[in-house]
Amino acid sequence: MKKSAFTLIELLIVIAIIGILISIGVASYAQAQIKSRNARRQGDMKAAQSAIEQYYADNNGQYPPNGTCDALTTTTKYLPAGLPQDPKHPALDYTFSCPSVTNYCFCGQLEPAGNTSGNASNTSCVYESGKSGDSYFCVSNLQ
């Protein structure tokens, strides 16, 4: 009688193929997470931009004057949940700047640091000094 069974070589090949598929899946998942967090950061910046433009419309064409953009969170009308926070590191705030009643700038650093998908290539927005502006996504006044 001949017994039918897998050989050691066949088992090792199947295990190797499964290992390759798992490593591809893990790498794709990590990239998807990064893209998702970057999309959230950009969405947060756009939401903050919409809120401050609404503030502008409600306050006779003036942006918050205090330099910290606190006027957006003093009332639940503009940003009910407060200023947005980074999705990966909630303790790290985005860079918000409202230096005068005529302009503002909100920036968030994209992952990985140093990537070139950001839009902060000019100096109109103030973000962390000493860092490449290409890795920051910023929104500023529309008016």
Protein backbone atom coordinates (compact mmCIF):
# COMPACT_ATOMS: atom_id res chain seq x y z
CA MET A 1 0.00 0.00 0.00
CA LYS A 2 1.20 3.46 -0.92
CA LYS A 3 0.50 6.26 1.57
CA SER A 4 -0.33 9.72 0.24
CA ALA A 5 1.23 12.63 2.17
CA PHE A 6 2.93 15.98 1.70
CA THR A 7 6.68 16.05 1.53
CA LEU A 8 8.77 18.36 3.65
CA ILE A 9 9.72 20.40 0.57
CA GLU A 10 6.06 20.95 -0.36
CA LEU A 11 5.23 22.13 3.17
CA LEU A 12 8.19 24.53 3.21
CA ILE A 13 7.16 26.00 -0.15
CA VAL A 14 3.60 26.59 1.07
CA ILE A 15 4.88 28.21 4.29
CA ALA A 16 7.23 30.46 2.28
CA ILE A 17 4.41 31.56 -0.02
CA ILE A 18 2.17 32.34 2.94
CA GLY A 19 5.00 34.34 4.56
CA ILE A 20 5.50 36.38 1.37
CA LEU A 21 1.79 37.14 1.12
CA ILE A 22 1.65 38.21 4.78
CA SER A 23 4.64 40.55 4.40
CA ILE A 24 3.05 42.18 1.32
CA GLY A 25 -0.22 42.60 3.22
CA VAL A 26 1.45 44.16 6.26
CA ALA A 27 3.37 46.66 4.11
CA SER A 28 0.21 47.62 2.22
CA TYR A 29 -1.71 48.01 5.48
CA ALA A 30 0.96 50.30 6.95
CA GLN A 31 0.90 52.50 3.83
CA ALA A 32 -2.91 52.63 3.95
CA GLN A 33 -2.76 53.80 7.58
CA ILE A 34 -0.31 56.58 6.70
CA LYS A 35 -2.48 57.73 3.79
CA SER A 36 -5.55 57.65 6.02
CA ARG A 37 -3.91 59.77 8.73
CA ASN A 38 -2.64 62.26 6.14
CA ALA A 39 -6.14 62.52 4.67
CA ARG A 40 -7.50 63.15 8.17
CA ARG A 41 -4.91 65.87 8.75
CA GLN A 42 -5.87 67.57 5.50
CA GLY A 43 -9.55 67.25 6.38
CA ASP A 44 -8.88 68.77 9.80
CA MET A 45 -7.14 71.72 8.17
CA LYS A 46 -10.03 72.23 5.74
CA ALA A 47 -12.56 72.04 8.60
CA ALA A 48 -10.60 74.63 10.57
CA GLN A 49 -10.43 76.80 7.45
CA SER A 50 -14.19 76.57 7.01
CA ALA A 51 -14.75 77.46 10.67
CA ILE A 52 -12.53 80.52 10.58
CA GLU A 53 -14.02 81.69 7.30
CA GLN A 54 -17.45 81.42 8.97
CA TYR A 55 -16.05 83.49 11.85
CA TYR A 56 -14.85 86.03 9.26
CA ALA A 57 -18.33 86.22 7.73
CA ASP A 58 -19.99 86.65 11.14
CA ASN A 59 -17.56 89.33 12.40
CA ASN A 60 -17.65 92.03 9.76
CA GLY A 61 -14.75 90.72 7.71
CA GLN A 62 -12.25 90.19 10.52
CA TYR A 63 -10.37 87.08 11.57
CA PRO A 64 -9.68 86.37 15.28
CA PRO A 65 -7.23 89.05 16.48
CA ASN A 66 -5.62 87.44 19.50
CA GLY A 67 -2.83 85.49 17.83
CA THR A 68 -3.98 82.11 19.18
CA CYS A 69 -7.23 81.51 17.28
CA ASP A 70 -9.02 80.96 20.61
CA ALA A 71 -12.12 82.76 19.32
CA LEU A 72 -12.95 79.62 17.35
CA THR A 73 -13.34 77.52 20.48
CA THR A 74 -14.94 80.05 22.83
CA THR A 75 -18.27 79.33 21.22
CA THR A 76 -19.61 76.01 20.03
CA LYS A 77 -20.73 77.65 16.81
CA TYR A 78 -17.46 77.31 14.89
CA LEU A 79 -15.53 74.28 16.22
CA PRO A 80 -17.73 72.51 18.78
CA ALA A 81 -15.11 69.85 19.52
CA GLY A 82 -12.30 72.39 19.83
CA LEU A 83 -9.27 72.73 17.63
CA PRO A 84 -8.46 69.46 15.84
CA GLN A 85 -5.64 67.23 17.04
CA ASP A 86 -3.17 65.07 15.16
CA PRO A 87 -4.60 61.55 14.60
CA LYS A 88 -1.37 59.72 15.46
CA HIS A 89 -0.13 61.90 18.31
CA PRO A 90 -3.12 63.70 19.89
CA ALA A 91 -0.84 65.45 22.38
CA LEU A 92 0.91 67.20 19.48
CA ASP A 93 -1.16 70.09 18.29
CA TYR A 94 -1.30 71.39 14.78
CA THR A 95 0.36 74.75 14.21
CA PHE A 96 -2.28 77.48 14.37
CA SER A 97 -1.46 81.11 13.79
CA CYS A 98 -3.89 84.05 13.79
CA PRO A 99 -1.46 86.98 13.92
CA SER A 100 -3.89 89.71 12.89
CA VAL A 101 -7.48 90.37 11.87
CA THR A 102 -6.46 90.09 8.21
CA ASN A 103 -4.83 86.66 8.03
CA TYR A 104 -4.35 83.24 9.61
CA CYS A 105 -2.56 79.97 8.91
CA PHE A 106 -3.16 76.37 10.06
CA CYS A 107 -0.55 73.68 9.38
CA GLY A 108 -0.22 69.98 10.07
CA GLN A 109 2.83 67.81 9.41
CA LEU A 110 2.24 64.91 7.06
CA GLU A 111 3.77 61.45 7.37
CA PRO A 112 6.46 60.53 6.78
CA ALA A 113 8.33 63.71 7.69
CA GLY A 114 10.04 65.12 4.65
CA ASN A 115 7.55 63.82 2.10
CA THR A 116 6.75 66.07 -0.83
CA SER A 117 2.95 65.93 -0.81
CA GLY A 118 2.55 69.00 1.40
CA ASN A 119 1.63 72.43 0.09
CA ALA A 120 3.63 74.66 2.45
CA SER A 121 6.43 75.47 0.05
CA ASN A 122 6.20 79.22 0.61
CA THR A 123 6.77 81.33 3.69
CA SER A 124 3.24 82.73 3.98
CA CYS A 125 2.50 80.21 6.73
CA VAL A 126 4.50 79.78 9.91
CA TYR A 127 5.17 76.16 10.79
CA GLU A 128 7.87 74.48 12.85
CA SER A 129 11.14 76.22 12.14
CA GLY A 130 13.97 74.18 10.76
CA LYS A 131 11.71 71.64 9.07
CA SER A 132 11.10 71.13 5.39
CA GLY A 133 7.96 72.94 4.31
CA ASP A 134 7.16 70.19 1.82
CA SER A 135 5.99 67.86 4.58
CA TYR A 136 3.39 70.31 5.91
CA PHE A 137 -0.16 70.78 4.67
CA CYS A 138 -1.36 74.31 5.39
CA VAL A 139 -4.47 76.38 4.84
CA SER A 140 -4.62 80.14 5.07
CA ASN A 141 -7.08 82.97 4.68
CA LEU A 142 -9.29 82.90 1.59
CA GLN A 143 -10.28 86.57 1.74
